[in-house]
Amino acid sequence: MSGEERPTSGKKHNLIMEDRKILNVTGVVDVSGFDEEKVLLNTEKGELTVGGYSLHINKFSQETGELELDGEICSLVYSETRQTEGGFFSKLFR
């Protein structure tokens, strides 16, 4: 990762999973999408994709950044959401 740090609001980001059936997440900034097989979360540490079956969000508080979901959890994948500054030519002519 480059020397740039992701701006955070100071909330801690934690994951607690119980028996691959219940997932509690803190440090959630927003829920960007969800269905029964995928939940997309914007967290303090990047975008988190939760994959599985019969996924259901039980509760979410944007104020506290806490989320609880249940279902059959198969995967947790982080990805960086990077914004590019211009295209190919803007990088070429710096």
PDB file of N, CA and C in Angstrom:
ATOM      1  N   MET A   1       0.844  -1.169   0.000  1.00  0.00           N
ATOM      2  CA  MET A   1       0.000   0.000   0.000  1.00  0.00           C
ATOM      3  C   MET A   1       0.883   1.224   0.000  1.00  0.00           C
ATOM      4  N   SER A   2       0.409   2.292  -0.631  1.00  0.00           N
ATOM      5  CA  SER A   2       1.211   3.498  -0.707  1.00  0.00           C
ATOM      6  C   SER A   2       1.262   4.187   0.649  1.00  0.00           C
ATOM      7  N   GLY A   3       1.959   5.294   0.727  1.00  0.00           N
ATOM      8  CA  GLY A   3       2.109   6.022   1.969  1.00  0.00           C
ATOM      9  C   GLY A   3       0.840   6.728   2.406  1.00  0.00           C
ATOM     10  N   GLU A   4      -0.192   6.721   1.572  1.00  0.00           N
ATOM     11  CA  GLU A   4      -1.439   7.377   1.932  1.00  0.00           C
ATOM     12  C   GLU A   4      -2.232   6.496   2.883  1.00  0.00           C
ATOM     13  N   GLU A   5      -2.760   7.108   3.933  1.00  0.00           N
ATOM     14  CA  GLU A   5      -3.603   6.391   4.868  1.00  0.00           C
ATOM     15  C   GLU A   5      -5.053   6.718   4.576  1.00  0.00           C
ATOM     16  N   ARG A   6      -5.918   5.757   4.737  1.00  0.00           N
ATOM     17  CA  ARG A   6      -7.357   5.958   4.551  1.00  0.00           C
ATOM     18  C   ARG A   6      -7.849   6.800   5.714  1.00  0.00           C
ATOM     19  N   PRO A   7      -8.571   7.897   5.435  1.00  0.00           N
ATOM     20  CA  PRO A   7      -9.101   8.699   6.537  1.00  0.00           C
ATOM     21  C   PRO A   7     -10.145   7.911   7.305  1.00  0.00           C
ATOM     22  N   THR A   8     -10.046   7.931   8.620  1.00  0.00           N
ATOM     23  CA  THR A   8     -10.993   7.200   9.448  1.00  0.00           C
ATOM     24  C   THR A   8     -11.601   8.139  10.470  1.00  0.00           C
ATOM     25  N   SER A   9     -12.719   7.724  11.016  1.00  0.00           N
ATOM     26  CA  SER A   9     -13.389   8.544  12.013  1.00  0.00           C
ATOM     27  C   SER A   9     -12.973   8.145  13.419  1.00  0.00           C
ATOM     28  N   GLY A  10     -12.044   7.213  13.551  1.00  0.00           N
ATOM     29  CA  GLY A  10     -11.589   6.787  14.863  1.00  0.00           C
ATOM     30  C   GLY A  10     -12.342   5.594  15.412  1.00  0.00           C
ATOM     31  N   LYS A  11     -13.364   5.094  14.698  1.00  0.00           N
ATOM     32  CA  LYS A  11     -14.097   3.925  15.153  1.00  0.00           C
ATOM     33  C   LYS A  11     -13.252   2.683  14.927  1.00  0.00           C
ATOM     34  N   LYS A  12     -13.298   1.768  15.869  1.00  0.00           N
ATOM     35  CA  LYS A  12     -12.584   0.506  15.705  1.00  0.00           C
ATOM     36  C   LYS A  12     -13.350  -0.384  14.748  1.00  0.00           C
ATOM     37  N   HIS A  13     -12.595  -1.224  14.044  1.00  0.00           N
ATOM     38  CA  HIS A  13     -13.202  -2.168  13.101  1.00  0.00           C
ATOM     39  C   HIS A  13     -12.895  -3.576  13.576  1.00  0.00           C
ATOM     40  N   ASN A  14     -13.929  -4.313  13.933  1.00  0.00           N
ATOM     41  CA  ASN A  14     -13.781  -5.681  14.411  1.00  0.00           C
ATOM     42  C   ASN A  14     -14.809  -6.583  13.754  1.00  0.00           C
ATOM     43  N   LEU A  15     -14.449  -7.861  13.642  1.00  0.00           N
ATOM     44  CA  LEU A  15     -15.356  -8.892  13.143  1.00  0.00           C
ATOM     45  C   LEU A  15     -15.445  -9.992  14.191  1.00  0.00           C
ATOM     46  N   ILE A  16     -16.658 -10.381  14.520  1.00  0.00           N
ATOM     47  CA  ILE A  16     -16.863 -11.520  15.412  1.00  0.00           C
ATOM     48  C   ILE A  16     -17.848 -12.451  14.717  1.00  0.00           C
ATOM     49  N   MET A  17     -17.380 -13.665  14.409  1.00  0.00           N
ATOM     50  CA  MET A  17     -18.231 -14.638  13.732  1.00  0.00           C
ATOM     51  C   MET A  17     -18.465 -15.826  14.658  1.00  0.00           C
ATOM     52  N   GLU A  18     -19.722 -16.241  14.743  1.00  0.00           N
ATOM     53  CA  GLU A  18     -20.095 -17.380  15.568  1.00  0.00           C
ATOM     54  C   GLU A  18     -20.579 -18.511  14.683  1.00  0.00           C
ATOM     55  N   ASP A  19     -19.829 -19.605  14.649  1.00  0.00           N
ATOM     56  CA  ASP A  19     -20.209 -20.831  13.924  1.00  0.00           C
ATOM     57  C   ASP A  19     -20.543 -20.605  12.452  1.00  0.00           C
ATOM     58  N   ARG A  20     -19.946 -19.599  11.827  1.00  0.00           N
ATOM     59  CA  ARG A  20     -20.211 -19.259  10.422  1.00  0.00           C
ATOM     60  C   ARG A  20     -21.690 -19.010  10.158  1.00  0.00           C
ATOM     61  N   LYS A  21     -22.427 -18.634  11.213  1.00  0.00           N
ATOM     62  CA  LYS A  21     -23.867 -18.377  11.088  1.00  0.00           C
ATOM     63  C   LYS A  21     -24.226 -16.931  11.452  1.00  0.00           C
ATOM     64  N   ILE A  22     -23.499 -16.331  12.386  1.00  0.00           N
ATOM     65  CA  ILE A  22     -23.773 -14.967  12.835  1.00  0.00           C
ATOM     66  C   ILE A  22     -22.488 -14.166  12.737  1.00  0.00           C
ATOM     67  N   LEU A  23     -22.578 -12.965  12.156  1.00  0.00           N
ATOM     68  CA  LEU A  23     -21.422 -12.093  12.016  1.00  0.00           C
ATOM     69  C   LEU A  23     -21.768 -10.727  12.588  1.00  0.00           C
ATOM     70  N   ASN A  24     -20.959 -10.277  13.552  1.00  0.00           N
ATOM     71  CA  ASN A  24     -21.069  -8.934  14.110  1.00  0.00           C
ATOM     72  C   ASN A  24     -19.868  -8.139  13.620  1.00  0.00           C
ATOM     73  N   VAL A  25     -20.125  -6.958  13.047  1.00  0.00           N
ATOM     74  CA  VAL A  25     -19.070  -6.118  12.480  1.00  0.00           C
ATOM     75  C   VAL A  25     -19.191  -4.732  13.088  1.00  0.00           C
ATOM     76  N   THR A  26     -18.067  -4.167  13.537  1.00  0.00           N
ATOM     77  CA  THR A  26     -18.038  -2.778  13.978  1.00  0.00           C
ATOM     78  C   THR A  26     -17.166  -1.988  13.013  1.00  0.00           C
ATOM     79  N   GLY A  27     -17.315  -0.679  13.031  1.00  0.00           N
ATOM     80  CA  GLY A  27     -16.556   0.168  12.121  1.00  0.00           C
ATOM     81  C   GLY A  27     -17.150   0.211  10.723  1.00  0.00           C
ATOM     82  N   VAL A  28     -18.456  -0.067  10.615  1.00  0.00           N
ATOM     83  CA  VAL A  28     -19.133  -0.034   9.319  1.00  0.00           C
ATOM     84  C   VAL A  28     -19.580   1.400   9.035  1.00  0.00           C
ATOM     85  N   VAL A  29     -19.167   1.912   7.889  1.00  0.00           N
ATOM     86  CA  VAL A  29     -19.542   3.264   7.491  1.00  0.00           C
ATOM     87  C   VAL A  29     -20.873   3.258   6.756  1.00  0.00           C
ATOM     88  N   ASP A  30     -21.064   2.263   5.872  1.00  0.00           N
ATOM     89  CA  ASP A  30     -22.281   2.214   5.066  1.00  0.00           C
ATOM     90  C   ASP A  30     -22.461   0.809   4.505  1.00  0.00           C
ATOM     91  N   VAL A  31     -23.707   0.455   4.204  1.00  0.00           N
ATOM     92  CA  VAL A  31     -24.019  -0.776   3.485  1.00  0.00           C
ATOM     93  C   VAL A  31     -24.291  -0.358   2.053  1.00  0.00           C
ATOM     94  N   SER A  32     -23.424  -0.774   1.119  1.00  0.00           N
ATOM     95  CA  SER A  32     -23.568  -0.318  -0.262  1.00  0.00           C
ATOM     96  C   SER A  32     -24.423  -1.249  -1.113  1.00  0.00           C
ATOM     97  N   GLY A  33     -24.722  -2.443  -0.622  1.00  0.00           N
ATOM     98  CA  GLY A  33     -25.578  -3.360  -1.354  1.00  0.00           C
ATOM     99  C   GLY A  33     -25.721  -4.675  -0.615  1.00  0.00           C
ATOM    100  N   PHE A  34     -26.833  -5.351  -0.874  1.00  0.00           N
ATOM    101  CA  PHE A  34     -27.011  -6.664  -0.240  1.00  0.00           C
ATOM    102  C   PHE A  34     -28.089  -7.456  -0.955  1.00  0.00           C
ATOM    103  N   ASP A  35     -27.949  -8.760  -0.899  1.00  0.00           N
ATOM    104  CA  ASP A  35     -28.983  -9.705  -1.285  1.00  0.00           C
ATOM    105  C   ASP A  35     -28.748 -10.968  -0.464  1.00  0.00           C
ATOM    106  N   GLU A  36     -29.400 -12.061  -0.797  1.00  0.00           N
ATOM    107  CA  GLU A  36     -29.275 -13.272   0.015  1.00  0.00           C
ATOM    108  C   GLU A  36     -27.917 -13.954  -0.103  1.00  0.00           C
ATOM    109  N   GLU A  37     -27.124 -13.590  -1.122  1.00  0.00           N
ATOM    110  CA  GLU A  37     -25.831 -14.252  -1.325  1.00  0.00           C
ATOM    111  C   GLU A  37     -24.628 -13.329  -1.141  1.00  0.00           C
ATOM    112  N   LYS A  38     -24.851 -12.018  -0.987  1.00  0.00           N
ATOM    113  CA  LYS A  38     -23.730 -11.098  -0.882  1.00  0.00           C
ATOM    114  C   LYS A  38     -24.148  -9.844  -0.131  1.00  0.00           C
ATOM    115  N   VAL A  39     -23.287  -9.386   0.788  1.00  0.00           N
ATOM    116  CA  VAL A  39     -23.494  -8.120   1.482  1.00  0.00           C
ATOM    117  C   VAL A  39     -22.226  -7.295   1.280  1.00  0.00           C
ATOM    118  N   LEU A  40     -22.372  -6.069   0.763  1.00  0.00           N
ATOM    119  CA  LEU A  40     -21.239  -5.176   0.510  1.00  0.00           C
ATOM    120  C   LEU A  40     -21.225  -4.090   1.567  1.00  0.00           C
ATOM    121  N   LEU A  41     -20.138  -4.036   2.331  1.00  0.00           N
ATOM    122  CA  LEU A  41     -20.017  -3.078   3.426  1.00  0.00           C
ATOM    123  C   LEU A  41     -18.832  -2.156   3.181  1.00  0.00           C
ATOM    124  N   ASN A  42     -19.023  -0.866   3.416  1.00  0.00           N
ATOM    125  CA  ASN A  42     -17.910   0.070   3.446  1.00  0.00           C
ATOM    126  C   ASN A  42     -17.512   0.207   4.906  1.00  0.00           C
ATOM    127  N   THR A  43     -16.264  -0.173   5.220  1.00  0.00           N
ATOM    128  CA  THR A  43     -15.801  -0.147   6.598  1.00  0.00           C
ATOM    129  C   THR A  43     -14.649   0.839   6.739  1.00  0.00           C
ATOM    130  N   GLU A  44     -14.206   1.015   7.964  1.00  0.00           N
ATOM    131  CA  GLU A  44     -13.067   1.878   8.258  1.00  0.00           C
ATOM    132  C   GLU A  44     -11.786   1.359   7.607  1.00  0.00           C
ATOM    133  N   LYS A  45     -11.740   0.090   7.254  1.00  0.00           N
ATOM    134  CA  LYS A  45     -10.533  -0.527   6.693  1.00  0.00           C
ATOM    135  C   LYS A  45     -10.689  -0.965   5.249  1.00  0.00           C
ATOM    136  N   GLY A  46     -11.683  -0.439   4.537  1.00  0.00           N
ATOM    137  CA  GLY A  46     -11.883  -0.781   3.139  1.00  0.00           C
ATOM    138  C   GLY A  46     -13.228  -1.443   2.919  1.00  0.00           C
ATOM    139  N   GLU A  47     -13.488  -1.818   1.676  1.00  0.00           N
ATOM    140  CA  GLU A  47     -14.750  -2.469   1.344  1.00  0.00           C
ATOM    141  C   GLU A  47     -14.679  -3.944   1.728  1.00  0.00           C
ATOM    142  N   LEU A  48     -15.708  -4.414   2.407  1.00  0.00           N
ATOM    143  CA  LEU A  48     -15.787  -5.806   2.844  1.00  0.00           C
ATOM    144  C   LEU A  48     -16.982  -6.458   2.159  1.00  0.00           C
ATOM    145  N   THR A  49     -16.718  -7.574   1.471  1.00  0.00           N
ATOM    146  CA  THR A  49     -17.777  -8.350   0.843  1.00  0.00           C
ATOM    147  C   THR A  49     -17.967  -9.629   1.637  1.00  0.00           C
ATOM    148  N   VAL A  50     -19.184  -9.838   2.117  1.00  0.00           N
ATOM    149  CA  VAL A  50     -19.538 -11.059   2.839  1.00  0.00           C
ATOM    150  C   VAL A  50     -20.336 -11.914   1.861  1.00  0.00           C
ATOM    151  N   GLY A  51     -19.844 -13.117   1.592  1.00  0.00           N
ATOM    152  CA  GLY A  51     -20.522 -14.035   0.683  1.00  0.00           C
ATOM    153  C   GLY A  51     -21.119 -15.198   1.439  1.00  0.00           C
ATOM    154  N   GLY A  52     -22.228 -15.723   0.938  1.00  0.00           N
ATOM    155  CA  GLY A  52     -22.844 -16.867   1.591  1.00  0.00           C
ATOM    156  C   GLY A  52     -24.217 -17.157   1.028  1.00  0.00           C
ATOM    157  N   TYR A  53     -25.047 -17.773   1.850  1.00  0.00           N
ATOM    158  CA  TYR A  53     -26.399 -18.157   1.454  1.00  0.00           C
ATOM    159  C   TYR A  53     -27.378 -17.731   2.538  1.00  0.00           C
ATOM    160  N   SER A  54     -28.561 -17.342   2.124  1.00  0.00           N
ATOM    161  CA  SER A  54     -29.631 -16.928   3.054  1.00  0.00           C
ATOM    162  C   SER A  54     -29.152 -15.839   4.008  1.00  0.00           C
ATOM    163  N   LEU A  55     -28.361 -14.886   3.500  1.00  0.00           N
ATOM    164  CA  LEU A  55     -27.847 -13.812   4.347  1.00  0.00           C
ATOM    165  C   LEU A  55     -28.961 -12.816   4.642  1.00  0.00           C
ATOM    166  N   HIS A  56     -28.983 -12.359   5.881  1.00  0.00           N
ATOM    167  CA  HIS A  56     -30.017 -11.433   6.339  1.00  0.00           C
ATOM    168  C   HIS A  56     -29.388 -10.453   7.331  1.00  0.00           C
ATOM    169  N   ILE A  57     -29.590  -9.156   7.104  1.00  0.00           N
ATOM    170  CA  ILE A  57     -29.091  -8.142   8.033  1.00  0.00           C
ATOM    171  C   ILE A  57     -30.121  -7.991   9.143  1.00  0.00           C
ATOM    172  N   ASN A  58     -29.714  -8.336  10.374  1.00  0.00           N
ATOM    173  CA  ASN A  58     -30.615  -8.231  11.524  1.00  0.00           C
ATOM    174  C   ASN A  58     -30.701  -6.808  12.043  1.00  0.00           C
ATOM    175  N   LYS A  59     -29.546  -6.155  12.153  1.00  0.00           N
ATOM    176  CA  LYS A  59     -29.558  -4.764  12.598  1.00  0.00           C
ATOM    177  C   LYS A  59     -28.325  -4.041  12.070  1.00  0.00           C
ATOM    178  N   PHE A  60     -28.502  -2.732  11.864  1.00  0.00           N
ATOM    179  CA  PHE A  60     -27.415  -1.875  11.402  1.00  0.00           C
ATOM    180  C   PHE A  60     -27.652  -0.478  11.945  1.00  0.00           C
ATOM    181  N   SER A  61     -26.637   0.072  12.586  1.00  0.00           N
ATOM    182  CA  SER A  61     -26.697   1.437  13.084  1.00  0.00           C
ATOM    183  C   SER A  61     -25.563   2.223  12.444  1.00  0.00           C
ATOM    184  N   GLN A  62     -25.920   3.191  11.624  1.00  0.00           N
ATOM    185  CA  GLN A  62     -24.888   4.016  10.987  1.00  0.00           C
ATOM    186  C   GLN A  62     -24.233   4.930  12.015  1.00  0.00           C
ATOM    187  N   GLU A  63     -24.958   5.288  13.070  1.00  0.00           N
ATOM    188  CA  GLU A  63     -24.410   6.146  14.115  1.00  0.00           C
ATOM    189  C   GLU A  63     -23.268   5.465  14.868  1.00  0.00           C
ATOM    190  N   THR A  64     -23.468   4.189  15.246  1.00  0.00           N
ATOM    191  CA  THR A  64     -22.449   3.471  16.001  1.00  0.00           C
ATOM    192  C   THR A  64     -21.521   2.653  15.107  1.00  0.00           C
ATOM    193  N   GLY A  65     -21.935   2.408  13.851  1.00  0.00           N
ATOM    194  CA  GLY A  65     -21.127   1.613  12.933  1.00  0.00           C
ATOM    195  C   GLY A  65     -21.206   0.123  13.190  1.00  0.00           C
ATOM    196  N   GLU A  66     -22.255  -0.324  13.880  1.00  0.00           N
ATOM    197  CA  GLU A  66     -22.402  -1.739  14.214  1.00  0.00           C
ATOM    198  C   GLU A  66     -23.419  -2.402  13.292  1.00  0.00           C
ATOM    199  N   LEU A  67     -23.079  -3.611  12.860  1.00  0.00           N
ATOM    200  CA  LEU A  67     -23.952  -4.388  11.989  1.00  0.00           C
ATOM    201  C   LEU A  67     -23.958  -5.834  12.453  1.00  0.00           C
ATOM    202  N   GLU A  68     -25.114  -6.473  12.386  1.00  0.00           N
ATOM    203  CA  GLU A  68     -25.224  -7.906  12.671  1.00  0.00           C
ATOM    204  C   GLU A  68     -25.966  -8.561  11.522  1.00  0.00           C
ATOM    205  N   LEU A  69     -25.407  -9.659  11.023  1.00  0.00           N
ATOM    206  CA  LEU A  69     -26.100 -10.415   9.987  1.00  0.00           C
ATOM    207  C   LEU A  69     -26.026 -11.888  10.306  1.00  0.00           C
ATOM    208  N   ASP A  70     -26.976 -12.640   9.734  1.00  0.00           N
ATOM    209  CA  ASP A  70     -26.964 -14.084   9.923  1.00  0.00           C
ATOM    210  C   ASP A  70     -27.208 -14.771   8.594  1.00  0.00           C
ATOM    211  N   GLY A  71     -26.964 -16.060   8.570  1.00  0.00           N
ATOM    212  CA  GLY A  71     -27.081 -16.884   7.377  1.00  0.00           C
ATOM    213  C   GLY A  71     -25.908 -17.840   7.332  1.00  0.00           C
ATOM    214  N   GLU A  72     -25.696 -18.464   6.196  1.00  0.00           N
ATOM    215  CA  GLU A  72     -24.552 -19.360   6.021  1.00  0.00           C
ATOM    216  C   GLU A  72     -23.416 -18.545   5.394  1.00  0.00           C
ATOM    217  N   ILE A  73     -22.416 -18.198   6.206  1.00  0.00           N
ATOM    218  CA  ILE A  73     -21.325 -17.323   5.768  1.00  0.00           C
ATOM    219  C   ILE A  73     -20.208 -18.169   5.170  1.00  0.00           C
ATOM    220  N   CYS A  74     -19.875 -17.889   3.912  1.00  0.00           N
ATOM    221  CA  CYS A  74     -18.856 -18.667   3.196  1.00  0.00           C
ATOM    222  C   CYS A  74     -17.551 -17.897   2.982  1.00  0.00           C
ATOM    223  N   SER A  75     -17.635 -16.565   2.855  1.00  0.00           N
ATOM    224  CA  SER A  75     -16.408 -15.815   2.578  1.00  0.00           C
ATOM    225  C   SER A  75     -16.490 -14.393   3.109  1.00  0.00           C
ATOM    226  N   LEU A  76     -15.308 -13.869   3.457  1.00  0.00           N
ATOM    227  CA  LEU A  76     -15.122 -12.478   3.845  1.00  0.00           C
ATOM    228  C   LEU A  76     -13.947 -11.963   3.024  1.00  0.00           C
ATOM    229  N   VAL A  77     -14.197 -10.968   2.172  1.00  0.00           N
ATOM    230  CA  VAL A  77     -13.146 -10.489   1.270  1.00  0.00           C
ATOM    231  C   VAL A  77     -13.056  -8.967   1.367  1.00  0.00           C
ATOM    232  N   TYR A  78     -11.841  -8.468   1.633  1.00  0.00           N
ATOM    233  CA  TYR A  78     -11.597  -7.027   1.639  1.00  0.00           C
ATOM    234  C   TYR A  78     -11.054  -6.600   0.292  1.00  0.00           C
ATOM    235  N   SER A  79     -11.448  -5.417  -0.140  1.00  0.00           N
ATOM    236  CA  SER A  79     -10.866  -4.828  -1.331  1.00  0.00           C
ATOM    237  C   SER A  79     -10.727  -3.336  -1.089  1.00  0.00           C
ATOM    238  N   GLU A  80      -9.671  -2.782  -1.636  1.00  0.00           N
ATOM    239  CA  GLU A  80      -9.432  -1.348  -1.497  1.00  0.00           C
ATOM    240  C   GLU A  80     -10.265  -0.618  -2.518  1.00  0.00           C
ATOM    241  N   THR A  81     -10.909   0.438  -2.119  1.00  0.00           N
ATOM    242  CA  THR A  81     -11.654   1.282  -3.045  1.00  0.00           C
ATOM    243  C   THR A  81     -10.792   2.507  -3.308  1.00  0.00           C
ATOM    244  N   ARG A  82     -10.105   2.484  -4.411  1.00  0.00           N
ATOM    245  CA  ARG A  82      -9.187   3.563  -4.752  1.00  0.00           C
ATOM    246  C   ARG A  82      -9.800   4.429  -5.831  1.00  0.00           C
ATOM    247  N   GLN A  83      -9.632   5.721  -5.665  1.00  0.00           N
ATOM    248  CA  GLN A  83     -10.098   6.643  -6.679  1.00  0.00           C
ATOM    249  C   GLN A  83      -8.900   7.044  -7.511  1.00  0.00           C
ATOM    250  N   THR A  84      -9.041   6.927  -8.813  1.00  0.00           N
ATOM    251  CA  THR A  84      -7.939   7.283  -9.695  1.00  0.00           C
ATOM    252  C   THR A  84      -8.029   8.759 -10.023  1.00  0.00           C
ATOM    253  N   GLU A  85      -6.869   9.372 -10.171  1.00  0.00           N
ATOM    254  CA  GLU A  85      -6.804  10.780 -10.523  1.00  0.00           C
ATOM    255  C   GLU A  85      -6.518  10.875 -12.008  1.00  0.00           C
ATOM    256  N   GLY A  86      -7.548  11.076 -12.805  1.00  0.00           N
ATOM    257  CA  GLY A  86      -7.372  11.171 -14.243  1.00  0.00           C
ATOM    258  C   GLY A  86      -7.131   9.807 -14.853  1.00  0.00           C
ATOM    259  N   GLY A  87      -6.800   9.825 -16.123  1.00  0.00           N
ATOM    260  CA  GLY A  87      -6.587   8.581 -16.832  1.00  0.00           C
ATOM    261  C   GLY A  87      -5.122   8.347 -17.129  1.00  0.00           C
ATOM    262  N   PHE A  88      -4.889   7.570 -18.150  1.00  0.00           N
ATOM    263  CA  PHE A  88      -3.549   7.183 -18.551  1.00  0.00           C
ATOM    264  C   PHE A  88      -2.684   8.390 -18.891  1.00  0.00           C
ATOM    265  N   PHE A  89      -3.236   9.337 -19.685  1.00  0.00           N
ATOM    266  CA  PHE A  89      -2.455  10.479 -20.128  1.00  0.00           C
ATOM    267  C   PHE A  89      -2.108  11.435 -19.015  1.00  0.00           C
ATOM    268  N   SER A  90      -2.976  11.587 -18.021  1.00  0.00           N
ATOM    269  CA  SER A  90      -2.651  12.471 -16.902  1.00  0.00           C
ATOM    270  C   SER A  90      -1.469  11.920 -16.101  1.00  0.00           C
ATOM    271  N   LYS A  91      -1.353  10.598 -16.015  1.00  0.00           N
ATOM    272  CA  LYS A  91      -0.211  10.001 -15.334  1.00  0.00           C
ATOM    273  C   LYS A  91       1.044  10.100 -16.175  1.00  0.00           C
ATOM    274  N   LEU A  92       0.884  10.010 -17.493  1.00  0.00           N
ATOM    275  CA  LEU A  92       2.012  10.074 -18.412  1.00  0.00           C
ATOM    276  C   LEU A  92       2.669  11.455 -18.410  1.00  0.00           C
ATOM    277  N   PHE A  93       1.867  12.516 -18.294  1.00  0.00           N
ATOM    278  CA  PHE A  93       2.375  13.876 -18.393  1.00  0.00           C
ATOM    279  C   PHE A  93       2.568  14.565 -17.045  1.00  0.00           C
ATOM    280  N   ARG A  94       2.808  13.851 -16.011  1.00  0.00           N
ATOM    281  CA  ARG A  94       3.061  14.467 -14.686  1.00  0.00           C
ATOM    282  C   ARG A  94       4.429  15.059 -14.635  1.00  0.00           C
TER     283      ARG A  94
END
